[in-house]
Amino acid sequence: MYTFLLIVHVLISMLLMLAILMQASKGGGLSGTFTGVGGSSLFGGRGAATFLSKVTTGLAVAFMVISVLIGLVSAPRGEATSIIRQEANRRTSPSAELPIPQGSGDQGTLPTPGN
């Protein structure tokens, strides 16, 4: 699933770059290549710009959706642990394994002054 989404993402990226490069920035650009003799166009007078802007918008939305899906698919499964929590557990683990001091049997009594 991840590989399929990644391939689709790359294809959408390339198509999006192509659509952006074909757009004109005030009447020029590669969209002018679709115009024929006398200013007639394959898409009509303003059709190429409108068509390319709709294609660009659609590809941009598809790019974002596929990006989110790739992020969800590649997210780690199971319990998420932070680096800070792992470090805290590592630092507290050795002290939990220290031996408990063994004293005489009268651990509950306090020494009295003068004894």
PDB file of N, CA and C in Angstrom:
ATOM      1  N   MET A   1       0.827  -1.192   0.000  1.00  0.00           N
ATOM      2  CA  MET A   1       0.000   0.000   0.000  1.00  0.00           C
ATOM      3  C   MET A   1       0.878   1.265   0.000  1.00  0.00           C
ATOM      4  N   TYR A   2       1.920   1.225   0.817  1.00  0.00           N
ATOM      5  CA  TYR A   2       2.821   2.373   0.913  1.00  0.00           C
ATOM      6  C   TYR A   2       3.511   2.629  -0.425  1.00  0.00           C
ATOM      7  N   THR A   3       3.977   1.567  -1.062  1.00  0.00           N
ATOM      8  CA  THR A   3       4.669   1.709  -2.344  1.00  0.00           C
ATOM      9  C   THR A   3       3.731   2.266  -3.410  1.00  0.00           C
ATOM     10  N   PHE A   4       2.507   1.768  -3.447  1.00  0.00           N
ATOM     11  CA  PHE A   4       1.521   2.262  -4.414  1.00  0.00           C
ATOM     12  C   PHE A   4       1.265   3.753  -4.201  1.00  0.00           C
ATOM     13  N   LEU A   5       1.058   4.158  -2.961  1.00  0.00           N
ATOM     14  CA  LEU A   5       0.811   5.574  -2.672  1.00  0.00           C
ATOM     15  C   LEU A   5       2.018   6.430  -3.033  1.00  0.00           C
ATOM     16  N   LEU A   6       3.195   5.908  -2.814  1.00  0.00           N
ATOM     17  CA  LEU A   6       4.410   6.651  -3.143  1.00  0.00           C
ATOM     18  C   LEU A   6       4.549   6.841  -4.655  1.00  0.00           C
ATOM     19  N   ILE A   7       4.233   5.808  -5.432  1.00  0.00           N
ATOM     20  CA  ILE A   7       4.292   5.917  -6.894  1.00  0.00           C
ATOM     21  C   ILE A   7       3.263   6.917  -7.396  1.00  0.00           C
ATOM     22  N   VAL A   8       2.040   6.865  -6.868  1.00  0.00           N
ATOM     23  CA  VAL A   8       0.997   7.812  -7.260  1.00  0.00           C
ATOM     24  C   VAL A   8       1.408   9.231  -6.874  1.00  0.00           C
ATOM     25  N   HIS A   9       2.041   9.377  -5.719  1.00  0.00           N
ATOM     26  CA  HIS A   9       2.485  10.688  -5.250  1.00  0.00           C
ATOM     27  C   HIS A   9       3.531  11.288  -6.194  1.00  0.00           C
ATOM     28  N   VAL A  10       4.457  10.476  -6.647  1.00  0.00           N
ATOM     29  CA  VAL A  10       5.490  10.952  -7.573  1.00  0.00           C
ATOM     30  C   VAL A  10       4.860  11.351  -8.909  1.00  0.00           C
ATOM     31  N   LEU A  11       3.922  10.546  -9.402  1.00  0.00           N
ATOM     32  CA  LEU A  11       3.251  10.881 -10.661  1.00  0.00           C
ATOM     33  C   LEU A  11       2.458  12.182 -10.553  1.00  0.00           C
ATOM     34  N   ILE A  12       1.743  12.341  -9.461  1.00  0.00           N
ATOM     35  CA  ILE A  12       0.982  13.579  -9.248  1.00  0.00           C
ATOM     36  C   ILE A  12       1.935  14.768  -9.148  1.00  0.00           C
ATOM     37  N   SER A  13       3.075  14.566  -8.500  1.00  0.00           N
ATOM     38  CA  SER A  13       4.058  15.654  -8.378  1.00  0.00           C
ATOM     39  C   SER A  13       4.555  16.096  -9.749  1.00  0.00           C
ATOM     40  N   MET A  14       4.855  15.133 -10.610  1.00  0.00           N
ATOM     41  CA  MET A  14       5.338  15.474 -11.947  1.00  0.00           C
ATOM     42  C   MET A  14       4.254  16.175 -12.771  1.00  0.00           C
ATOM     43  N   LEU A  15       3.037  15.675 -12.687  1.00  0.00           N
ATOM     44  CA  LEU A  15       1.939  16.316 -13.426  1.00  0.00           C
ATOM     45  C   LEU A  15       1.679  17.724 -12.899  1.00  0.00           C
ATOM     46  N   LEU A  16       1.798  17.902 -11.594  1.00  0.00           N
ATOM     47  CA  LEU A  16       1.589  19.224 -11.000  1.00  0.00           C
ATOM     48  C   LEU A  16       2.668  20.203 -11.472  1.00  0.00           C
ATOM     49  N   MET A  17       3.909  19.744 -11.534  1.00  0.00           N
ATOM     50  CA  MET A  17       4.978  20.614 -12.042  1.00  0.00           C
ATOM     51  C   MET A  17       4.719  20.995 -13.494  1.00  0.00           C
ATOM     52  N   LEU A  18       4.298  20.029 -14.288  1.00  0.00           N
ATOM     53  CA  LEU A  18       4.014  20.299 -15.693  1.00  0.00           C
ATOM     54  C   LEU A  18       2.864  21.293 -15.844  1.00  0.00           C
ATOM     55  N   ALA A  19       1.808  21.116 -15.062  1.00  0.00           N
ATOM     56  CA  ALA A  19       0.654  22.024 -15.138  1.00  0.00           C
ATOM     57  C   ALA A  19       1.037  23.438 -14.709  1.00  0.00           C
ATOM     58  N   ILE A  20       1.883  23.553 -13.713  1.00  0.00           N
ATOM     59  CA  ILE A  20       2.307  24.881 -13.253  1.00  0.00           C
ATOM     60  C   ILE A  20       3.193  25.556 -14.300  1.00  0.00           C
ATOM     61  N   LEU A  21       4.079  24.791 -14.894  1.00  0.00           N
ATOM     62  CA  LEU A  21       4.958  25.369 -15.907  1.00  0.00           C
ATOM     63  C   LEU A  21       4.214  25.777 -17.176  1.00  0.00           C
ATOM     64  N   MET A  22       3.117  25.121 -17.466  1.00  0.00           N
ATOM     65  CA  MET A  22       2.361  25.452 -18.670  1.00  0.00           C
ATOM     66  C   MET A  22       1.517  26.708 -18.498  1.00  0.00           C
ATOM     67  N   GLN A  23       1.277  27.104 -17.274  1.00  0.00           N
ATOM     68  CA  GLN A  23       0.449  28.285 -17.053  1.00  0.00           C
ATOM     69  C   GLN A  23       1.190  29.546 -17.458  1.00  0.00           C
ATOM     70  N   ALA A  24       0.430  30.484 -17.932  1.00  0.00           N
ATOM     71  CA  ALA A  24       1.004  31.752 -18.373  1.00  0.00           C
ATOM     72  C   ALA A  24       0.974  32.744 -17.225  1.00  0.00           C
ATOM     73  N   SER A  25       1.981  33.583 -17.188  1.00  0.00           N
ATOM     74  CA  SER A  25       1.992  34.627 -16.178  1.00  0.00           C
ATOM     75  C   SER A  25       1.627  35.956 -16.819  1.00  0.00           C
ATOM     76  N   LYS A  26       0.493  36.145 -17.322  1.00  0.00           N
ATOM     77  CA  LYS A  26      -0.002  37.333 -18.016  1.00  0.00           C
ATOM     78  C   LYS A  26       0.052  37.135 -19.527  1.00  0.00           C
ATOM     79  N   GLY A  27      -0.418  36.043 -19.989  1.00  0.00           N
ATOM     80  CA  GLY A  27      -0.579  35.871 -21.418  1.00  0.00           C
ATOM     81  C   GLY A  27       0.517  35.131 -22.145  1.00  0.00           C
ATOM     82  N   GLY A  28       1.666  34.889 -21.525  1.00  0.00           N
ATOM     83  CA  GLY A  28       2.753  34.185 -22.196  1.00  0.00           C
ATOM     84  C   GLY A  28       2.835  32.761 -21.712  1.00  0.00           C
ATOM     85  N   GLY A  29       3.996  32.195 -21.776  1.00  0.00           N
ATOM     86  CA  GLY A  29       4.230  30.871 -21.246  1.00  0.00           C
ATOM     87  C   GLY A  29       3.868  29.774 -22.226  1.00  0.00           C
ATOM     88  N   LEU A  30       3.908  28.549 -21.754  1.00  0.00           N
ATOM     89  CA  LEU A  30       3.659  27.411 -22.615  1.00  0.00           C
ATOM     90  C   LEU A  30       2.196  27.267 -23.003  1.00  0.00           C
ATOM     91  N   SER A  31       1.280  27.906 -22.293  1.00  0.00           N
ATOM     92  CA  SER A  31      -0.121  27.827 -22.699  1.00  0.00           C
ATOM     93  C   SER A  31      -0.342  28.545 -24.018  1.00  0.00           C
ATOM     94  N   GLY A  32       0.573  29.423 -24.393  1.00  0.00           N
ATOM     95  CA  GLY A  32       0.490  30.099 -25.679  1.00  0.00           C
ATOM     96  C   GLY A  32       0.780  29.171 -26.840  1.00  0.00           C
ATOM     97  N   THR A  33       1.362  28.003 -26.570  1.00  0.00           N
ATOM     98  CA  THR A  33       1.632  27.056 -27.644  1.00  0.00           C
ATOM     99  C   THR A  33       0.371  26.416 -28.173  1.00  0.00           C
ATOM    100  N   PHE A  34      -0.715  26.495 -27.429  1.00  0.00           N
ATOM    101  CA  PHE A  34      -1.974  25.918 -27.880  1.00  0.00           C
ATOM    102  C   PHE A  34      -2.739  26.864 -28.808  1.00  0.00           C
ATOM    103  N   THR A  35      -2.272  28.076 -28.954  1.00  0.00           N
ATOM    104  CA  THR A  35      -2.976  29.016 -29.824  1.00  0.00           C
ATOM    105  C   THR A  35      -2.594  28.756 -31.260  1.00  0.00           C
ATOM    106  N   GLY A  36      -3.543  28.884 -32.128  1.00  0.00           N
ATOM    107  CA  GLY A  36      -3.300  28.673 -33.551  1.00  0.00           C
ATOM    108  C   GLY A  36      -3.126  29.999 -34.256  1.00  0.00           C
ATOM    109  N   VAL A  37      -3.371  30.025 -35.551  1.00  0.00           N
ATOM    110  CA  VAL A  37      -3.244  31.227 -36.348  1.00  0.00           C
ATOM    111  C   VAL A  37      -4.410  32.151 -36.021  1.00  0.00           C
ATOM    112  N   GLY A  38      -4.136  33.421 -35.861  1.00  0.00           N
ATOM    113  CA  GLY A  38      -5.192  34.394 -35.606  1.00  0.00           C
ATOM    114  C   GLY A  38      -5.647  34.424 -34.166  1.00  0.00           C
ATOM    115  N   GLY A  39      -4.917  33.796 -33.260  1.00  0.00           N
ATOM    116  CA  GLY A  39      -5.269  33.857 -31.847  1.00  0.00           C
ATOM    117  C   GLY A  39      -6.318  32.839 -31.428  1.00  0.00           C
ATOM    118  N   SER A  40      -6.811  32.004 -32.332  1.00  0.00           N
ATOM    119  CA  SER A  40      -7.757  30.969 -31.908  1.00  0.00           C
ATOM    120  C   SER A  40      -6.986  29.919 -31.138  1.00  0.00           C
ATOM    121  N   SER A  41      -7.650  29.263 -30.261  1.00  0.00           N
ATOM    122  CA  SER A  41      -6.977  28.351 -29.362  1.00  0.00           C
ATOM    123  C   SER A  41      -7.682  27.008 -29.355  1.00  0.00           C
ATOM    124  N   LEU A  42      -6.970  26.010 -28.923  1.00  0.00           N
ATOM    125  CA  LEU A  42      -7.544  24.680 -28.813  1.00  0.00           C
ATOM    126  C   LEU A  42      -8.658  24.664 -27.769  1.00  0.00           C
ATOM    127  N   PHE A  43      -8.525  25.466 -26.729  1.00  0.00           N
ATOM    128  CA  PHE A  43      -9.489  25.489 -25.642  1.00  0.00           C
ATOM    129  C   PHE A  43     -10.412  26.692 -25.708  1.00  0.00           C
ATOM    130  N   GLY A  44     -10.291  27.528 -26.698  1.00  0.00           N
ATOM    131  CA  GLY A  44     -11.092  28.742 -26.772  1.00  0.00           C
ATOM    132  C   GLY A  44     -10.244  29.934 -26.384  1.00  0.00           C
ATOM    133  N   GLY A  45     -10.851  31.102 -26.339  1.00  0.00           N
ATOM    134  CA  GLY A  45     -10.120  32.327 -26.049  1.00  0.00           C
ATOM    135  C   GLY A  45      -9.442  32.318 -24.703  1.00  0.00           C
ATOM    136  N   ARG A  46     -10.150  31.982 -23.663  1.00  0.00           N
ATOM    137  CA  ARG A  46      -9.605  31.978 -22.303  1.00  0.00           C
ATOM    138  C   ARG A  46      -9.611  30.563 -21.743  1.00  0.00           C
ATOM    139  N   GLY A  47      -9.953  29.617 -22.581  1.00  0.00           N
ATOM    140  CA  GLY A  47     -10.130  28.239 -22.121  1.00  0.00           C
ATOM    141  C   GLY A  47      -8.876  27.578 -21.603  1.00  0.00           C
ATOM    142  N   ALA A  48      -7.717  27.860 -22.229  1.00  0.00           N
ATOM    143  CA  ALA A  48      -6.487  27.208 -21.794  1.00  0.00           C
ATOM    144  C   ALA A  48      -6.129  27.602 -20.371  1.00  0.00           C
ATOM    145  N   ALA A  49      -6.249  28.869 -20.050  1.00  0.00           N
ATOM    146  CA  ALA A  49      -5.910  29.326 -18.699  1.00  0.00           C
ATOM    147  C   ALA A  49      -6.887  28.765 -17.677  1.00  0.00           C
ATOM    148  N   THR A  50      -8.163  28.741 -18.015  1.00  0.00           N
ATOM    149  CA  THR A  50      -9.156  28.215 -17.080  1.00  0.00           C
ATOM    150  C   THR A  50      -8.963  26.715 -16.890  1.00  0.00           C
ATOM    151  N   PHE A  51      -8.732  26.008 -17.984  1.00  0.00           N
ATOM    152  CA  PHE A  51      -8.520  24.565 -17.909  1.00  0.00           C
ATOM    153  C   PHE A  51      -7.278  24.241 -17.087  1.00  0.00           C
ATOM    154  N   LEU A  52      -6.189  24.938 -17.334  1.00  0.00           N
ATOM    155  CA  LEU A  52      -4.949  24.676 -16.609  1.00  0.00           C
ATOM    156  C   LEU A  52      -5.068  25.029 -15.128  1.00  0.00           C
ATOM    157  N   SER A  53      -5.810  26.074 -14.812  1.00  0.00           N
ATOM    158  CA  SER A  53      -5.971  26.417 -13.392  1.00  0.00           C
ATOM    159  C   SER A  53      -6.820  25.370 -12.678  1.00  0.00           C
ATOM    160  N   LYS A  54      -7.816  24.823 -13.354  1.00  0.00           N
ATOM    161  CA  LYS A  54      -8.629  23.760 -12.739  1.00  0.00           C
ATOM    162  C   LYS A  54      -7.816  22.485 -12.567  1.00  0.00           C
ATOM    163  N   VAL A  55      -7.004  22.153 -13.564  1.00  0.00           N
ATOM    164  CA  VAL A  55      -6.145  20.971 -13.462  1.00  0.00           C
ATOM    165  C   VAL A  55      -5.130  21.154 -12.335  1.00  0.00           C
ATOM    166  N   THR A  56      -4.553  22.340 -12.244  1.00  0.00           N
ATOM    167  CA  THR A  56      -3.575  22.623 -11.187  1.00  0.00           C
ATOM    168  C   THR A  56      -4.219  22.509  -9.813  1.00  0.00           C
ATOM    169  N   THR A  57      -5.420  23.046  -9.675  1.00  0.00           N
ATOM    170  CA  THR A  57      -6.124  22.959  -8.385  1.00  0.00           C
ATOM    171  C   THR A  57      -6.417  21.508  -8.032  1.00  0.00           C
ATOM    172  N   GLY A  58      -6.896  20.745  -8.983  1.00  0.00           N
ATOM    173  CA  GLY A  58      -7.192  19.332  -8.733  1.00  0.00           C
ATOM    174  C   GLY A  58      -5.958  18.536  -8.363  1.00  0.00           C
ATOM    175  N   LEU A  59      -4.874  18.784  -9.073  1.00  0.00           N
ATOM    176  CA  LEU A  59      -3.631  18.085  -8.755  1.00  0.00           C
ATOM    177  C   LEU A  59      -3.068  18.502  -7.399  1.00  0.00           C
ATOM    178  N   ALA A  60      -3.231  19.769  -7.047  1.00  0.00           N
ATOM    179  CA  ALA A  60      -2.751  20.238  -5.738  1.00  0.00           C
ATOM    180  C   ALA A  60      -3.546  19.577  -4.608  1.00  0.00           C
ATOM    181  N   VAL A  61      -4.847  19.459  -4.786  1.00  0.00           N
ATOM    182  CA  VAL A  61      -5.677  18.785  -3.770  1.00  0.00           C
ATOM    183  C   VAL A  61      -5.292  17.314  -3.678  1.00  0.00           C
ATOM    184  N   ALA A  62      -5.107  16.662  -4.827  1.00  0.00           N
ATOM    185  CA  ALA A  62      -4.707  15.253  -4.826  1.00  0.00           C
ATOM    186  C   ALA A  62      -3.340  15.078  -4.167  1.00  0.00           C
ATOM    187  N   PHE A  63      -2.423  16.015  -4.408  1.00  0.00           N
ATOM    188  CA  PHE A  63      -1.096  15.977  -3.795  1.00  0.00           C
ATOM    189  C   PHE A  63      -1.203  16.020  -2.271  1.00  0.00           C
ATOM    190  N   MET A  64      -2.031  16.927  -1.769  1.00  0.00           N
ATOM    191  CA  MET A  64      -2.187  17.047  -0.307  1.00  0.00           C
ATOM    192  C   MET A  64      -2.842  15.802   0.296  1.00  0.00           C
ATOM    193  N   VAL A  65      -3.863  15.281  -0.369  1.00  0.00           N
ATOM    194  CA  VAL A  65      -4.562  14.097   0.154  1.00  0.00           C
ATOM    195  C   VAL A  65      -3.617  12.899   0.176  1.00  0.00           C
ATOM    196  N   ILE A  66      -2.871  12.703  -0.891  1.00  0.00           N
ATOM    197  CA  ILE A  66      -1.927  11.584  -0.940  1.00  0.00           C
ATOM    198  C   ILE A  66      -0.825  11.766   0.106  1.00  0.00           C
ATOM    199  N   SER A  67      -0.408  13.005   0.346  1.00  0.00           N
ATOM    200  CA  SER A  67       0.611  13.260   1.378  1.00  0.00           C
ATOM    201  C   SER A  67       0.111  12.848   2.756  1.00  0.00           C
ATOM    202  N   VAL A  68      -1.129  13.192   3.063  1.00  0.00           N
ATOM    203  CA  VAL A  68      -1.711  12.814   4.354  1.00  0.00           C
ATOM    204  C   VAL A  68      -1.846  11.299   4.446  1.00  0.00           C
ATOM    205  N   LEU A  69      -2.293  10.647   3.370  1.00  0.00           N
ATOM    206  CA  LEU A  69      -2.437   9.192   3.384  1.00  0.00           C
ATOM    207  C   LEU A  69      -1.093   8.496   3.576  1.00  0.00           C
ATOM    208  N   ILE A  70      -0.056   9.001   2.934  1.00  0.00           N
ATOM    209  CA  ILE A  70       1.277   8.412   3.118  1.00  0.00           C
ATOM    210  C   ILE A  70       1.723   8.578   4.568  1.00  0.00           C
ATOM    211  N   GLY A  71       1.438   9.729   5.161  1.00  0.00           N
ATOM    212  CA  GLY A  71       1.778   9.942   6.564  1.00  0.00           C
ATOM    213  C   GLY A  71       1.042   8.996   7.493  1.00  0.00           C
ATOM    214  N   LEU A  72      -0.229   8.735   7.195  1.00  0.00           N
ATOM    215  CA  LEU A  72      -1.003   7.819   8.034  1.00  0.00           C
ATOM    216  C   LEU A  72      -0.553   6.371   7.868  1.00  0.00           C
ATOM    217  N   VAL A  73      -0.249   5.990   6.639  1.00  0.00           N
ATOM    218  CA  VAL A  73       0.172   4.611   6.391  1.00  0.00           C
ATOM    219  C   VAL A  73       1.549   4.342   6.989  1.00  0.00           C
ATOM    220  N   SER A  74       2.438   5.319   6.956  1.00  0.00           N
ATOM    221  CA  SER A  74       3.793   5.105   7.449  1.00  0.00           C
ATOM    222  C   SER A  74       3.944   5.367   8.942  1.00  0.00           C
ATOM    223  N   ALA A  75       2.874   5.742   9.622  1.00  0.00           N
ATOM    224  CA  ALA A  75       2.945   5.984  11.067  1.00  0.00           C
ATOM    225  C   ALA A  75       3.230   4.670  11.789  1.00  0.00           C
ATOM    226  N   PRO A  76       4.019   4.718  12.848  1.00  0.00           N
ATOM    227  CA  PRO A  76       4.328   3.483  13.575  1.00  0.00           C
ATOM    228  C   PRO A  76       3.092   2.917  14.258  1.00  0.00           C
ATOM    229  N   ARG A  77       3.026   1.617  14.262  1.00  0.00           N
ATOM    230  CA  ARG A  77       1.900   0.935  14.903  1.00  0.00           C
ATOM    231  C   ARG A  77       2.233   0.652  16.357  1.00  0.00           C
ATOM    232  N   GLY A  78       1.221   0.432  17.152  1.00  0.00           N
ATOM    233  CA  GLY A  78       1.439   0.101  18.547  1.00  0.00           C
ATOM    234  C   GLY A  78       1.528   1.338  19.419  1.00  0.00           C
ATOM    235  N   GLU A  79       2.058   1.141  20.621  1.00  0.00           N
ATOM    236  CA  GLU A  79       2.158   2.240  21.580  1.00  0.00           C
ATOM    237  C   GLU A  79       3.295   3.173  21.186  1.00  0.00           C
ATOM    238  N   ALA A  80       2.966   4.422  21.076  1.00  0.00           N
ATOM    239  CA  ALA A  80       3.980   5.420  20.735  1.00  0.00           C
ATOM    240  C   ALA A  80       4.750   5.799  21.995  1.00  0.00           C
ATOM    241  N   THR A  81       6.071   5.767  21.900  1.00  0.00           N
ATOM    242  CA  THR A  81       6.897   6.161  23.030  1.00  0.00           C
ATOM    243  C   THR A  81       7.774   7.325  22.606  1.00  0.00           C
ATOM    244  N   SER A  82       7.897   8.275  23.472  1.00  0.00           N
ATOM    245  CA  SER A  82       8.720   9.436  23.166  1.00  0.00           C
ATOM    246  C   SER A  82      10.161   9.181  23.590  1.00  0.00           C
ATOM    247  N   ILE A  83      11.049   9.913  23.013  1.00  0.00           N
ATOM    248  CA  ILE A  83      12.467   9.789  23.356  1.00  0.00           C
ATOM    249  C   ILE A  83      12.702  10.218  24.791  1.00  0.00           C
ATOM    250  N   ILE A  84      11.966  11.217  25.252  1.00  0.00           N
ATOM    251  CA  ILE A  84      12.124  11.700  26.626  1.00  0.00           C
ATOM    252  C   ILE A  84      11.704  10.617  27.618  1.00  0.00           C
ATOM    253  N   ARG A  85      10.596   9.936  27.317  1.00  0.00           N
ATOM    254  CA  ARG A  85      10.138   8.873  28.222  1.00  0.00           C
ATOM    255  C   ARG A  85      11.125   7.705  28.220  1.00  0.00           C
ATOM    256  N   GLN A  86      11.666   7.351  27.073  1.00  0.00           N
ATOM    257  CA  GLN A  86      12.650   6.271  27.006  1.00  0.00           C
ATOM    258  C   GLN A  86      13.887   6.615  27.829  1.00  0.00           C
ATOM    259  N   GLU A  87      14.347   7.866  27.740  1.00  0.00           N
ATOM    260  CA  GLU A  87      15.515   8.290  28.507  1.00  0.00           C
ATOM    261  C   GLU A  87      15.211   8.288  30.010  1.00  0.00           C
ATOM    262  N   ALA A  88      14.016   8.711  30.380  1.00  0.00           N
ATOM    263  CA  ALA A  88      13.633   8.703  31.800  1.00  0.00           C
ATOM    264  C   ALA A  88      13.577   7.274  32.324  1.00  0.00           C
ATOM    265  N   ASN A  89      13.053   6.348  31.542  1.00  0.00           N
ATOM    266  CA  ASN A  89      13.002   4.947  31.967  1.00  0.00           C
ATOM    267  C   ASN A  89      14.405   4.352  32.066  1.00  0.00           C
ATOM    268  N   ARG A  90      15.284   4.751  31.155  1.00  0.00           N
ATOM    269  CA  ARG A  90      16.646   4.239  31.189  1.00  0.00           C
ATOM    270  C   ARG A  90      17.382   4.739  32.424  1.00  0.00           C
ATOM    271  N   ARG A  91      17.147   5.986  32.806  1.00  0.00           N
ATOM    272  CA  ARG A  91      17.849   6.554  33.974  1.00  0.00           C
ATOM    273  C   ARG A  91      17.294   6.036  35.293  1.00  0.00           C
ATOM    274  N   THR A  92      16.036   5.681  35.362  1.00  0.00           N
ATOM    275  CA  THR A  92      15.450   5.204  36.614  1.00  0.00           C
ATOM    276  C   THR A  92      15.567   3.699  36.765  1.00  0.00           C
ATOM    277  N   SER A  93      15.847   2.975  35.720  1.00  0.00           N
ATOM    278  CA  SER A  93      15.926   1.518  35.818  1.00  0.00           C
ATOM    279  C   SER A  93      17.042   1.026  36.729  1.00  0.00           C
ATOM    280  N   PRO A  94      18.272   1.541  36.654  1.00  0.00           N
ATOM    281  CA  PRO A  94      19.321   1.010  37.541  1.00  0.00           C
ATOM    282  C   PRO A  94      19.015   1.223  39.019  1.00  0.00           C
ATOM    283  N   SER A  95      18.427   2.342  39.397  1.00  0.00           N
ATOM    284  CA  SER A  95      18.146   2.581  40.815  1.00  0.00           C
ATOM    285  C   SER A  95      17.046   1.662  41.324  1.00  0.00           C
ATOM    286  N   ALA A  96      16.205   1.180  40.458  1.00  0.00           N
ATOM    287  CA  ALA A  96      15.165   0.249  40.888  1.00  0.00           C
ATOM    288  C   ALA A  96      15.751  -1.119  41.206  1.00  0.00           C
ATOM    289  N   GLU A  97      16.927  -1.404  40.676  1.00  0.00           N
ATOM    290  CA  GLU A  97      17.537  -2.709  40.894  1.00  0.00           C
ATOM    291  C   GLU A  97      18.554  -2.708  42.045  1.00  0.00           C
ATOM    292  N   LEU A  98      18.740  -1.579  42.741  1.00  0.00           N
ATOM    293  CA  LEU A  98      19.677  -1.528  43.855  1.00  0.00           C
ATOM    294  C   LEU A  98      19.171  -2.396  44.996  1.00  0.00           C
ATOM    295  N   PRO A  99      20.086  -3.012  45.706  1.00  0.00           N
ATOM    296  CA  PRO A  99      19.639  -3.864  46.833  1.00  0.00           C
ATOM    297  C   PRO A  99      19.104  -3.019  47.987  1.00  0.00           C
ATOM    298  N   ILE A 100      18.142  -3.566  48.666  1.00  0.00           N
ATOM    299  CA  ILE A 100      17.563  -2.894  49.830  1.00  0.00           C
ATOM    300  C   ILE A 100      18.494  -3.160  51.007  1.00  0.00           C
ATOM    301  N   PRO A 101      18.908  -2.090  51.735  1.00  0.00           N
ATOM    302  CA  PRO A 101      19.821  -2.308  52.871  1.00  0.00           C
ATOM    303  C   PRO A 101      19.145  -3.139  53.959  1.00  0.00           C
ATOM    304  N   GLN A 102      19.901  -4.105  54.472  1.00  0.00           N
ATOM    305  CA  GLN A 102      19.391  -4.964  55.541  1.00  0.00           C
ATOM    306  C   GLN A 102      20.033  -4.532  56.854  1.00  0.00           C
ATOM    307  N   GLY A 103      19.214  -4.168  57.782  1.00  0.00           N
ATOM    308  CA  GLY A 103      19.729  -3.727  59.077  1.00  0.00           C
ATOM    309  C   GLY A 103      19.401  -4.755  60.150  1.00  0.00           C
ATOM    310  N   SER A 104      19.573  -4.339  61.398  1.00  0.00           N
ATOM    311  CA  SER A 104      19.213  -5.230  62.491  1.00  0.00           C
ATOM    312  C   SER A 104      17.697  -5.323  62.558  1.00  0.00           C
ATOM    313  N   GLY A 105      17.198  -6.174  63.340  1.00  0.00           N
ATOM    314  CA  GLY A 105      15.766  -6.437  63.418  1.00  0.00           C
ATOM    315  C   GLY A 105      14.958  -5.291  63.980  1.00  0.00           C
ATOM    316  N   ASP A 106      15.567  -4.302  64.614  1.00  0.00           N
ATOM    317  CA  ASP A 106      14.819  -3.203  65.236  1.00  0.00           C
ATOM    318  C   ASP A 106      14.785  -1.962  64.320  1.00  0.00           C
ATOM    319  N   GLN A 107      14.372  -2.139  63.090  1.00  0.00           N
ATOM    320  CA  GLN A 107      14.312  -1.028  62.155  1.00  0.00           C
ATOM    321  C   GLN A 107      13.194  -0.049  62.493  1.00  0.00           C
ATOM    322  N   GLY A 108      12.189  -0.487  63.226  1.00  0.00           N
ATOM    323  CA  GLY A 108      11.060   0.375  63.534  1.00  0.00           C
ATOM    324  C   GLY A 108      11.305   1.321  64.701  1.00  0.00           C
ATOM    325  N   THR A 109      12.373   1.127  65.472  1.00  0.00           N
ATOM    326  CA  THR A 109      12.620   1.963  66.640  1.00  0.00           C
ATOM    327  C   THR A 109      13.683   2.995  66.340  1.00  0.00           C
ATOM    328  N   LEU A 110      13.523   4.160  66.904  1.00  0.00           N
ATOM    329  CA  LEU A 110      14.502   5.220  66.737  1.00  0.00           C
ATOM    330  C   LEU A 110      15.462   5.197  67.922  1.00  0.00           C
ATOM    331  N   PRO A 111      16.704   5.538  67.675  1.00  0.00           N
ATOM    332  CA  PRO A 111      17.642   5.559  68.808  1.00  0.00           C
ATOM    333  C   PRO A 111      17.306   6.734  69.734  1.00  0.00           C
ATOM    334  N   THR A 112      17.446   6.538  70.995  1.00  0.00           N
ATOM    335  CA  THR A 112      17.167   7.584  71.976  1.00  0.00           C
ATOM    336  C   THR A 112      18.468   8.288  72.312  1.00  0.00           C
ATOM    337  N   PRO A 113      18.404   9.586  72.590  1.00  0.00           N
ATOM    338  CA  PRO A 113      19.647  10.294  72.947  1.00  0.00           C
ATOM    339  C   PRO A 113      20.190   9.765  74.269  1.00  0.00           C
ATOM    340  N   GLY A 114      21.477   9.676  74.331  1.00  0.00           N
ATOM    341  CA  GLY A 114      22.132   9.235  75.560  1.00  0.00           C
ATOM    342  C   GLY A 114      22.388   7.750  75.571  1.00  0.00           C
ATOM    343  N   ASN A 115      21.890   7.004  74.673  1.00  0.00           N
ATOM    344  CA  ASN A 115      22.176   5.548  74.643  1.00  0.00           C
ATOM    345  C   ASN A 115      23.381   5.233  73.862  1.00  0.00           C
TER     346      ASN A 115
END
